[in-house]
C-alpha atoms as a PDB file:
ATOM      1  CA  MET A   1      10.337 -13.940 -10.875  1.00  0.00           C
ATOM      2  CA  THR A   2       9.697 -13.297  -7.178  1.00  0.00           C
ATOM      3  CA  LYS A   3       6.166 -13.935  -5.937  1.00  0.00           C
ATOM      4  CA  ALA A   4       4.493 -10.786  -4.656  1.00  0.00           C
ATOM      5  CA  LEU A   5       3.240 -12.577  -1.536  1.00  0.00           C
ATOM      6  CA  ILE A   6       5.491 -15.016   0.269  1.00  0.00           C
ATOM      7  CA  THR A   7       5.160 -17.220   3.344  1.00  0.00           C
ATOM      8  CA  PRO A   8       7.555 -17.434   6.295  1.00  0.00           C
ATOM      9  CA  GLU A   9       8.791 -20.715   4.829  1.00  0.00           C
ATOM     10  CA  ASP A  10       9.468 -18.997   1.502  1.00  0.00           C
ATOM     11  CA  LEU A  11      11.456 -16.295   3.277  1.00  0.00           C
ATOM     12  CA  GLN A  12      13.527 -18.839   5.174  1.00  0.00           C
ATOM     13  CA  ALA A  13      14.508 -20.501   1.895  1.00  0.00           C
ATOM     14  CA  MET A  14      15.545 -17.259   0.181  1.00  0.00           C
ATOM     15  CA  SER A  15      19.079 -15.952  -0.163  1.00  0.00           C
ATOM     16  CA  ASP A  16      20.346 -12.473  -0.990  1.00  0.00           C
ATOM     17  CA  VAL A  17      17.441 -10.675   0.659  1.00  0.00           C
ATOM     18  CA  VAL A  18      16.987  -7.357   2.421  1.00  0.00           C
ATOM     19  CA  ILE A  19      14.206  -7.679   4.986  1.00  0.00           C
ATOM     20  CA  ILE A  20      12.424  -4.412   5.780  1.00  0.00           C
ATOM     21  CA  ASP A  21      10.290  -3.914   8.893  1.00  0.00           C
ATOM     22  CA  THR A  22       7.832  -1.049   8.375  1.00  0.00           C
ATOM     23  CA  ARG A  23       6.570  -0.860  11.953  1.00  0.00           C
ATOM     24  CA  ALA A  24       7.227   1.896  14.479  1.00  0.00           C
ATOM     25  CA  PRO A  25      10.739   1.858  16.005  1.00  0.00           C
ATOM     26  CA  GLU A  26       9.452   0.729  19.403  1.00  0.00           C
ATOM     27  CA  ALA A  27       7.704  -2.294  17.880  1.00  0.00           C
ATOM     28  CA  TYR A  28      10.838  -3.120  15.914  1.00  0.00           C
ATOM     29  CA  ALA A  29      12.980  -2.865  19.062  1.00  0.00           C
ATOM     30  CA  ALA A  30      10.635  -5.174  20.982  1.00  0.00           C
ATOM     31  CA  GLY A  31      11.207  -7.966  18.468  1.00  0.00           C
ATOM     32  CA  HIS A  32      11.743  -8.205  14.720  1.00  0.00           C
ATOM     33  CA  ILE A  33      12.529 -10.860  12.149  1.00  0.00           C
ATOM     34  CA  PRO A  34      16.256 -11.621  12.405  1.00  0.00           C
ATOM     35  CA  GLY A  35      18.279  -9.438  10.057  1.00  0.00           C
ATOM     36  CA  ALA A  36      15.464  -6.979   9.347  1.00  0.00           C
ATOM     37  CA  VAL A  37      16.131  -3.258   9.065  1.00  0.00           C
ATOM     38  CA  ASN A  38      13.578  -0.726  10.268  1.00  0.00           C
ATOM     39  CA  LEU A  39      12.102   1.764   7.785  1.00  0.00           C
ATOM     40  CA  HIS A  40       8.972   3.259   9.321  1.00  0.00           C
ATOM     41  CA  GLU A  41       8.896   6.242   6.925  1.00  0.00           C
ATOM     42  CA  ILE A  42       7.334   3.883   4.394  1.00  0.00           C
ATOM     43  CA  PHE A  43       4.179   4.321   6.476  1.00  0.00           C
ATOM     44  CA  THR A  44       4.431   7.885   7.795  1.00  0.00           C
ATOM     45  CA  PHE A  45       5.343   9.849   4.653  1.00  0.00           C
ATOM     46  CA  LEU A  46       2.490  11.973   3.275  1.00  0.00           C
ATOM     47  CA  ALA A  47       2.757  12.408  -0.488  1.00  0.00           C
ATOM     48  CA  THR A  48       1.469  15.015  -2.892  1.00  0.00           C
ATOM     49  CA  SER A  49       1.094  14.494  -6.621  1.00  0.00           C
ATOM     50  CA  ASP A  50       2.388  17.807  -7.962  1.00  0.00           C
ATOM     51  CA  PRO A  51       5.761  17.591  -9.767  1.00  0.00           C
ATOM     52  CA  GLU A  52       7.639  18.847  -6.696  1.00  0.00           C
ATOM     53  CA  GLY A  53       5.922  16.304  -4.454  1.00  0.00           C
ATOM     54  CA  ILE A  54       6.626  13.398  -6.795  1.00  0.00           C
ATOM     55  CA  SER A  55      10.259  14.472  -7.119  1.00  0.00           C
ATOM     56  CA  GLU A  56      10.601  14.675  -3.329  1.00  0.00           C
ATOM     57  CA  MET A  57       9.055  11.234  -2.830  1.00  0.00           C
ATOM     58  CA  THR A  58      11.210   9.693  -5.551  1.00  0.00           C
ATOM     59  CA  GLN A  59      14.462  10.974  -4.080  1.00  0.00           C
ATOM     60  CA  LYS A  60      13.464  10.307  -0.482  1.00  0.00           C
ATOM     61  CA  PHE A  61      12.696   6.640  -1.004  1.00  0.00           C
ATOM     62  CA  ALA A  62      15.469   5.960  -3.514  1.00  0.00           C
ATOM     63  CA  ASP A  63      17.807   7.216  -0.781  1.00  0.00           C
ATOM     64  CA  ALA A  64      15.998   5.297   1.984  1.00  0.00           C
ATOM     65  CA  PHE A  65      15.913   1.972   0.132  1.00  0.00           C
ATOM     66  CA  GLY A  66      19.530   2.413  -0.920  1.00  0.00           C
ATOM     67  CA  ALA A  67      20.494   3.058   2.713  1.00  0.00           C
ATOM     68  CA  ALA A  68      18.646  -0.151   3.608  1.00  0.00           C
ATOM     69  CA  GLY A  69      20.924  -2.071   1.244  1.00  0.00           C
ATOM     70  CA  LEU A  70      18.974  -2.477  -1.992  1.00  0.00           C
ATOM     71  CA  SER A  71      21.214  -2.430  -5.081  1.00  0.00           C
ATOM     72  CA  GLY A  72      18.995  -4.316  -7.548  1.00  0.00           C
ATOM     73  CA  LYS A  73      20.584  -7.702  -6.851  1.00  0.00           C
ATOM     74  CA  GLU A  74      18.738  -8.307  -3.596  1.00  0.00           C
ATOM     75  CA  THR A  75      15.089  -9.191  -3.126  1.00  0.00           C
ATOM     76  CA  ALA A  76      13.317  -6.721  -0.842  1.00  0.00           C
ATOM     77  CA  VAL A  77      10.976  -8.536   1.565  1.00  0.00           C
ATOM     78  CA  ILE A  78       8.706  -6.121   3.400  1.00  0.00           C
ATOM     79  CA  TYR A  79       6.504  -6.830   6.400  1.00  0.00           C
ATOM     80  CA  GLU A  80       4.305  -5.285   9.069  1.00  0.00           C
ATOM     81  CA  GLY A  81       2.599  -6.606  12.208  1.00  0.00           C
ATOM     82  CA  SER A  82      -0.263  -8.336  10.407  1.00  0.00           C
ATOM     83  CA  MET A  83      -2.121  -7.586   7.205  1.00  0.00           C
ATOM     84  CA  ASN A  84      -5.018  -5.800   8.916  1.00  0.00           C
ATOM     85  CA  THR A  85      -3.312  -3.883  11.746  1.00  0.00           C
ATOM     86  CA  GLY A  86      -0.790  -1.670   9.929  1.00  0.00           C
ATOM     87  CA  PHE A  87      -3.179  -0.013   7.451  1.00  0.00           C
ATOM     88  CA  GLY A  88      -1.395  -1.789   4.599  1.00  0.00           C
ATOM     89  CA  GLN A  89       2.024  -0.339   5.353  1.00  0.00           C
ATOM     90  CA  SER A  90       4.030  -3.313   4.059  1.00  0.00           C
ATOM     91  CA  CYS A  91       2.091  -3.172   0.793  1.00  0.00           C
ATOM     92  CA  ARG A  92       2.761   0.569   0.682  1.00  0.00           C
ATOM     93  CA  GLY A  93       6.444  -0.330   0.658  1.00  0.00           C
ATOM     94  CA  TYR A  94       5.813  -2.774  -2.173  1.00  0.00           C
ATOM     95  CA  PHE A  95       4.006  -0.092  -4.164  1.00  0.00           C
ATOM     96  CA  LEU A  96       6.779   2.448  -3.585  1.00  0.00           C
ATOM     97  CA  LEU A  97       9.293  -0.071  -4.943  1.00  0.00           C
ATOM     98  CA  ASP A  98       6.982  -0.669  -7.916  1.00  0.00           C
ATOM     99  CA  PHE A  99       6.817   3.076  -8.510  1.00  0.00           C
ATOM    100  CA  LEU A 100      10.622   3.347  -8.301  1.00  0.00           C
ATOM    101  CA  GLY A 101      11.007   0.454 -10.736  1.00  0.00           C
ATOM    102  CA  TYR A 102      12.711  -1.984  -8.364  1.00  0.00           C
ATOM    103  CA  PRO A 103      12.557  -5.451  -9.950  1.00  0.00           C
ATOM    104  CA  LYS A 104      12.727  -7.876  -6.993  1.00  0.00           C
ATOM    105  CA  LYS A 105      10.279  -7.374  -4.154  1.00  0.00           C
ATOM    106  CA  ALA A 106       7.763  -9.271  -2.032  1.00  0.00           C
ATOM    107  CA  VAL A 107       5.479  -8.836   0.966  1.00  0.00           C
ATOM    108  CA  LEU A 108       5.523 -11.313   3.836  1.00  0.00           C
ATOM    109  CA  ASP A 109       1.871 -12.376   3.800  1.00  0.00           C
ATOM    110  CA  GLY A 110       0.601 -12.192   7.367  1.00  0.00           C
ATOM    111  CA  GLY A 111       3.574 -10.205   8.650  1.00  0.00           C
ATOM    112  CA  VAL A 112       5.159 -10.843  12.049  1.00  0.00           C
ATOM    113  CA  GLU A 113       1.990 -12.595  13.178  1.00  0.00           C
ATOM    114  CA  ALA A 114       2.417 -15.272  10.489  1.00  0.00           C
ATOM    115  CA  TRP A 115       6.146 -15.539  11.248  1.00  0.00           C
ATOM    116  CA  GLN A 116       5.454 -16.242  14.912  1.00  0.00           C
ATOM    117  CA  ALA A 117       2.581 -18.593  14.100  1.00  0.00           C
ATOM    118  CA  ALA A 118       5.103 -20.652  12.132  1.00  0.00           C
ATOM    119  CA  GLY A 119       7.134 -21.005  15.331  1.00  0.00           C
ATOM    120  CA  LEU A 120       9.971 -18.808  14.090  1.00  0.00           C
ATOM    121  CA  PRO A 121      12.029 -16.571  16.390  1.00  0.00           C
ATOM    122  CA  LEU A 122      12.274 -12.819  16.728  1.00  0.00           C
ATOM    123  CA  ASP A 123      15.410 -10.816  17.493  1.00  0.00           C
ATOM    124  CA  THR A 124      15.848  -7.612  19.478  1.00  0.00           C
ATOM    125  CA  ALA A 125      19.336  -6.669  18.283  1.00  0.00           C
ATOM    126  CA  PRO A 126      19.363  -3.614  15.998  1.00  0.00           C
ATOM    127  CA  VAL A 127      20.611  -4.211  12.461  1.00  0.00           C
ATOM    128  CA  THR A 128      22.990  -1.839  10.697  1.00  0.00           C
ATOM    129  CA  PRO A 129      22.573  -2.279   6.934  1.00  0.00           C
ATOM    130  CA  SER A 130      25.297  -1.947   4.333  1.00  0.00           C
ATOM    131  CA  PRO A 131      24.257   0.994   2.097  1.00  0.00           C
ATOM    132  CA  ALA A 132      23.973   0.483  -1.653  1.00  0.00           C
ATOM    133  CA  ALA A 133      23.339   2.544  -4.768  1.00  0.00           C
ATOM    134  CA  PHE A 134      19.618   2.167  -5.424  1.00  0.00           C
ATOM    135  CA  PRO A 135      18.877   1.482  -9.132  1.00  0.00           C
ATOM    136  CA  LEU A 136      16.210   4.094  -9.815  1.00  0.00           C
ATOM    137  CA  ASP A 137      14.062   3.314 -12.873  1.00  0.00           C
ATOM    138  CA  PRO A 138      11.501   6.068 -13.578  1.00  0.00           C
ATOM    139  CA  ALA A 139       9.538   3.715 -15.877  1.00  0.00           C
ATOM    140  CA  GLY A 140       7.803   2.413 -12.770  1.00  0.00           C
ATOM    141  CA  ALA A 141       5.993   5.721 -12.400  1.00  0.00           C
ATOM    142  CA  SER A 142       3.163   4.429 -14.626  1.00  0.00           C
ATOM    143  CA  VAL A 143       1.463   2.955 -11.539  1.00  0.00           C
ATOM    144  CA  LEU A 144       1.162   6.368  -9.851  1.00  0.00           C
ATOM    145  CA  LEU A 145      -1.765   8.715 -10.448  1.00  0.00           C
ATOM    146  CA  THR A 146      -1.860  12.472  -9.949  1.00  0.00           C
ATOM    147  CA  ARG A 147      -4.857  14.582  -9.029  1.00  0.00           C
ATOM    148  CA  ASP A 148      -4.966  15.690 -12.680  1.00  0.00           C
ATOM    149  CA  ASP A 149      -5.240  12.034 -13.695  1.00  0.00           C
ATOM    150  CA  MET A 150      -8.142  11.638 -11.281  1.00  0.00           C
ATOM    151  CA  LEU A 151      -9.880  14.746 -12.610  1.00  0.00           C
ATOM    152  CA  ALA A 152      -9.491  13.400 -16.158  1.00  0.00           C
ATOM    153  CA  ALA A 153     -10.980  10.081 -15.066  1.00  0.00           C
ATOM    154  CA  LEU A 154     -13.974  11.939 -13.629  1.00  0.00           C
ATOM    155  CA  ASP A 155     -14.495  13.646 -16.985  1.00  0.00           C
ATOM    156  CA  THR A 156     -14.045  10.596 -19.208  1.00  0.00           C
ATOM    157  CA  GLY A 157     -15.314   7.740 -17.049  1.00  0.00           C
ATOM    158  CA  THR A 158     -12.630   5.491 -18.556  1.00  0.00           C
ATOM    159  CA  ALA A 159     -11.622   3.954 -15.206  1.00  0.00           C
ATOM    160  CA  ALA A 160     -13.422   2.684 -12.140  1.00  0.00           C
ATOM    161  CA  ILE A 161     -12.454   4.857  -9.166  1.00  0.00           C
ATOM    162  CA  LEU A 162     -12.363   2.634  -6.088  1.00  0.00           C
ATOM    163  CA  ASP A 163     -12.380   4.057  -2.569  1.00  0.00           C
ATOM    164  CA  VAL A 164     -11.094   1.505  -0.023  1.00  0.00           C
ATOM    165  CA  ARG A 165     -11.194   3.630   3.138  1.00  0.00           C
ATOM    166  CA  ASP A 166     -12.855   2.627   6.390  1.00  0.00           C
ATOM    167  CA  VAL A 167     -16.602   3.063   6.567  1.00  0.00           C
ATOM    168  CA  ASP A 168     -16.536   6.203   8.766  1.00  0.00           C
ATOM    169  CA  GLU A 169     -14.480   7.976   6.090  1.00  0.00           C
ATOM    170  CA  TRP A 170     -16.671   6.749   3.230  1.00  0.00           C
ATOM    171  CA  ILE A 171     -19.879   7.990   4.875  1.00  0.00           C
ATOM    172  CA  ALA A 172     -18.203  11.340   5.659  1.00  0.00           C
ATOM    173  CA  GLU A 173     -18.191  11.033   9.437  1.00  0.00           C
ATOM    174  CA  SER A 174     -14.383  11.230   9.549  1.00  0.00           C
ATOM    175  CA  SER A 175     -11.738  12.737   7.290  1.00  0.00           C
ATOM    176  CA  SER A 176      -8.924  10.309   8.163  1.00  0.00           C
ATOM    177  CA  PRO A 177      -7.565   7.582  10.464  1.00  0.00           C
ATOM    178  CA  TYR A 178      -5.609  10.366  12.213  1.00  0.00           C
ATOM    179  CA  GLY A 179      -8.799  11.957  13.539  1.00  0.00           C
ATOM    180  CA  LYS A 180     -12.178  13.078  12.286  1.00  0.00           C
ATOM    181  CA  ASP A 181     -11.050  16.601  11.472  1.00  0.00           C
ATOM    182  CA  PHE A 182      -7.442  15.969  10.408  1.00  0.00           C
ATOM    183  CA  CYS A 183      -8.365  17.061   6.857  1.00  0.00           C
ATOM    184  CA  PRO A 184     -10.463  20.140   6.093  1.00  0.00           C
ATOM    185  CA  ARG A 185     -13.216  18.268   4.223  1.00  0.00           C
ATOM    186  CA  LYS A 186     -15.043  14.973   4.688  1.00  0.00           C
ATOM    187  CA  GLY A 187     -16.585  12.978   1.848  1.00  0.00           C
ATOM    188  CA  ARG A 188     -15.702  11.075  -1.301  1.00  0.00           C
ATOM    189  CA  ILE A 189     -14.342  11.639  -4.776  1.00  0.00           C
ATOM    190  CA  PRO A 190     -17.464  11.938  -6.953  1.00  0.00           C
ATOM    191  CA  GLY A 191     -18.554   8.722  -8.623  1.00  0.00           C
ATOM    192  CA  ALA A 192     -16.256   6.508  -6.582  1.00  0.00           C
ATOM    193  CA  ARG A 193     -17.245   2.936  -5.806  1.00  0.00           C
ATOM    194  CA  TRP A 194     -16.496   1.561  -2.359  1.00  0.00           C
ATOM    195  CA  ILE A 195     -15.031  -1.662  -1.007  1.00  0.00           C
ATOM    196  CA  GLU A 196     -13.672  -1.358   2.510  1.00  0.00           C
ATOM    197  CA  TRP A 197     -10.116  -2.698   2.340  1.00  0.00           C
ATOM    198  CA  TYR A 198     -10.797  -5.303   5.036  1.00  0.00           C
ATOM    199  CA  ARG A 199     -13.123  -7.099   2.612  1.00  0.00           C
ATOM    200  CA  LEU A 200     -10.167  -8.117   0.448  1.00  0.00           C
ATOM    201  CA  MET A 201      -8.700 -10.133   3.338  1.00  0.00           C
ATOM    202  CA  LYS A 202      -9.828 -13.082   5.449  1.00  0.00           C
ATOM    203  CA  PRO A 203      -8.785 -14.702   8.727  1.00  0.00           C
ATOM    204  CA  THR A 204      -6.706 -17.872   8.624  1.00  0.00           C
ATOM    205  CA  PRO A 205      -5.110 -19.994  11.372  1.00  0.00           C
ATOM    206  CA  ASP A 206      -1.912 -18.017  10.719  1.00  0.00           C
ATOM    207  CA  GLY A 207      -3.550 -14.593  10.868  1.00  0.00           C
ATOM    208  CA  MET A 208      -5.218 -12.270   8.387  1.00  0.00           C
ATOM    209  CA  ARG A 209      -4.240 -12.853   4.747  1.00  0.00           C
ATOM    210  CA  LEU A 210      -5.252 -11.429   1.383  1.00  0.00           C
ATOM    211  CA  LYS A 211      -8.103 -13.334  -0.245  1.00  0.00           C
ATOM    212  CA  ALA A 212      -7.555 -15.703  -3.150  1.00  0.00           C
ATOM    213  CA  PRO A 213      -7.985 -14.286  -6.682  1.00  0.00           C
ATOM    214  CA  ASP A 214     -11.497 -15.678  -7.221  1.00  0.00           C
ATOM    215  CA  GLU A 215     -12.610 -14.285  -3.868  1.00  0.00           C
ATOM    216  CA  VAL A 216     -11.206 -10.850  -4.720  1.00  0.00           C
ATOM    217  CA  LEU A 217     -12.969 -10.920  -8.104  1.00  0.00           C
ATOM    218  CA  ALA A 218     -16.215 -11.784  -6.325  1.00  0.00           C
ATOM    219  CA  GLU A 219     -15.826  -8.748  -4.060  1.00  0.00           C
ATOM    220  CA  LEU A 220     -15.106  -6.515  -7.066  1.00  0.00           C
ATOM    221  CA  ALA A 221     -18.204  -7.834  -8.828  1.00  0.00           C
ATOM    222  CA  THR A 222     -20.382  -6.443  -6.019  1.00  0.00           C
ATOM    223  CA  VAL A 223     -19.512  -2.927  -7.220  1.00  0.00           C
ATOM    224  CA  GLY A 224     -19.506  -3.718 -10.927  1.00  0.00           C
ATOM    225  CA  ILE A 225     -15.764  -4.055 -11.446  1.00  0.00           C
ATOM    226  CA  THR A 226     -14.475  -6.783 -13.758  1.00  0.00           C
ATOM    227  CA  ARG A 227     -10.954  -8.038 -14.425  1.00  0.00           C
ATOM    228  CA  ASP A 228     -10.636  -6.145 -17.732  1.00  0.00           C
ATOM    229  CA  MET A 229     -11.481  -2.707 -16.305  1.00  0.00           C
ATOM    230  CA  PRO A 230      -8.864  -0.093 -15.377  1.00  0.00           C
ATOM    231  CA  VAL A 231      -9.108   0.581 -11.629  1.00  0.00           C
ATOM    232  CA  TYR A 232      -7.904   3.749  -9.902  1.00  0.00           C
ATOM    233  CA  LEU A 233      -7.502   3.219  -6.139  1.00  0.00           C
ATOM    234  CA  TYR A 234      -7.409   5.759  -3.349  1.00  0.00           C
ATOM    235  CA  CYS A 235      -7.636   5.872   0.444  1.00  0.00           C
ATOM    236  CA  PHE A 236      -6.221   8.491   2.834  1.00  0.00           C
ATOM    237  CA  LYS A 237      -2.500   8.359   1.995  1.00  0.00           C
ATOM    238  CA  GLY A 238      -1.993   5.338  -0.239  1.00  0.00           C
ATOM    239  CA  ALA A 239      -1.454   2.630   2.404  1.00  0.00           C
ATOM    240  CA  ARG A 240      -4.799   0.799   2.432  1.00  0.00           C
ATOM    241  CA  ALA A 241      -4.923   1.402  -1.320  1.00  0.00           C
ATOM    242  CA  SER A 242      -1.582  -0.411  -1.599  1.00  0.00           C
ATOM    243  CA  ASN A 243      -2.973  -3.397   0.290  1.00  0.00           C
ATOM    244  CA  SER A 244      -5.861  -3.415  -2.193  1.00  0.00           C
ATOM    245  CA  TYR A 245      -3.458  -2.854  -5.117  1.00  0.00           C
ATOM    246  CA  LEU A 246      -1.671  -6.070  -4.273  1.00  0.00           C
ATOM    247  CA  ALA A 247      -4.960  -7.964  -3.894  1.00  0.00           C
ATOM    248  CA  LEU A 248      -6.208  -6.743  -7.281  1.00  0.00           C
ATOM    249  CA  LYS A 249      -2.917  -7.460  -9.033  1.00  0.00           C
ATOM    250  CA  GLN A 250      -2.905 -10.974  -7.586  1.00  0.00           C
ATOM    251  CA  ALA A 251      -6.449 -11.393  -8.930  1.00  0.00           C
ATOM    252  CA  GLY A 252      -5.237 -10.712 -12.465  1.00  0.00           C
ATOM    253  CA  LEU A 253      -6.298  -7.102 -13.063  1.00  0.00           C
ATOM    254  CA  ALA A 254      -3.816  -5.714 -15.559  1.00  0.00           C
ATOM    255  CA  ASP A 255      -4.413  -1.974 -15.117  1.00  0.00           C
ATOM    256  CA  VAL A 256      -4.435  -1.028 -11.432  1.00  0.00           C
ATOM    257  CA  ARG A 257      -3.013   2.289 -10.298  1.00  0.00           C
ATOM    258  CA  ILE A 258      -3.002   4.326  -7.104  1.00  0.00           C
ATOM    259  CA  TYR A 259      -3.759   7.963  -6.506  1.00  0.00           C
ATOM    260  CA  PHE A 260      -1.096   8.110  -3.805  1.00  0.00           C
ATOM    261  CA  GLY A 261      -1.890  11.626  -2.618  1.00  0.00           C
ATOM    262  CA  SER A 262      -5.380  10.256  -1.916  1.00  0.00           C
ATOM    263  CA  TRP A 263      -7.845  12.007   0.395  1.00  0.00           C
ATOM    264  CA  ASN A 264      -5.087  13.799   2.315  1.00  0.00           C
ATOM    265  CA  GLU A 265      -4.242  15.759  -0.830  1.00  0.00           C
ATOM    266  CA  TRP A 266      -7.645  15.869  -2.550  1.00  0.00           C
ATOM    267  CA  SER A 267      -9.573  17.227   0.446  1.00  0.00           C
ATOM    268  CA  ARG A 268      -7.121  20.075   1.002  1.00  0.00           C
ATOM    269  CA  ASP A 269      -7.761  21.681  -2.394  1.00  0.00           C
ATOM    270  CA  PRO A 270     -11.161  23.434  -2.314  1.00  0.00           C
ATOM    271  CA  ALA A 271     -11.161  23.576  -6.128  1.00  0.00           C
ATOM    272  CA  LEU A 272     -11.433  19.774  -6.328  1.00  0.00           C
ATOM    273  CA  PRO A 273     -14.963  18.327  -6.288  1.00  0.00           C
ATOM    274  CA  ILE A 274     -16.200  16.062  -3.507  1.00  0.00           C
ATOM    275  CA  GLU A 275     -19.413  14.325  -2.516  1.00  0.00           C
ATOM    276  CA  GLU A 276     -20.377  15.256   1.031  1.00  0.00           C
ATOM    277  CA  GLY A 277     -22.776  13.670   3.516  1.00  0.00           C
ATOM    278  CA  ARG A 278     -23.891  10.077   3.588  1.00  0.00           C
ATOM    279  CA  PRO A 279     -23.861   8.273   0.235  1.00  0.00           C
ATOM    280  CA  TYR A 280     -27.198   7.013  -1.034  1.00  0.00           C
ATOM    281  CA  ALA A 281     -25.816   3.492  -1.421  1.00  0.00           C
ATOM    282  CA  ALA A 282     -23.268   3.069   1.327  1.00  0.00           C
END
């Protein structure tokens, strides 16, 4: 079984891989890991959780990952610039593959920064992948939450809702990383707990990395979350939540899911409840 987080040395030793660079095309062109294909839509796509939105996302990324060369035999290795500069975009790719049911996938822990810190080269030549038939497995959809799932969780209290957005979003000063007024409403999903996603990482000599399992569990304990609790994550569009998803899964939490539509979807429906203003316990 492929480790979810791998090192540059791990990647060098692997065979039959498809390396996916999630950064913007200009960053990819300036220098990427040799052999990597560029798939920036992993980061830019804004999802909705209605049936039409889920169907669109499913087909879009089954097609995109197939075009990148994933047939089910290869291990997908996804990376970004570093773990704290791309808003979790490599982990968003990992989550999308989880959702689509792809069996062999990993994130390069530390991204390009860790690769370069290991003294390994970059390439500027574009890579043309060999397309493949992507093996779509809808069973992976169990990790994805809809807004109806979130509303049910508000009613029943059966899961801990964890907001991992940046502090200005949590305290309702901004609606998104795209600008303060990108979304029509600022605030939080009622009853959500908050751990800013940066807290699940730490600096190392090779760049920012996800914290070790015991350290992640210690952070979760500060908001009353234990390993045996179901956790429903959200952020703005599912990227920072995906970074946190990987951290929580590595820490041994068995039931972690993401509301992928996140604040971008929730805030745009005036019928959905929010908490506005500064939280009492920010």
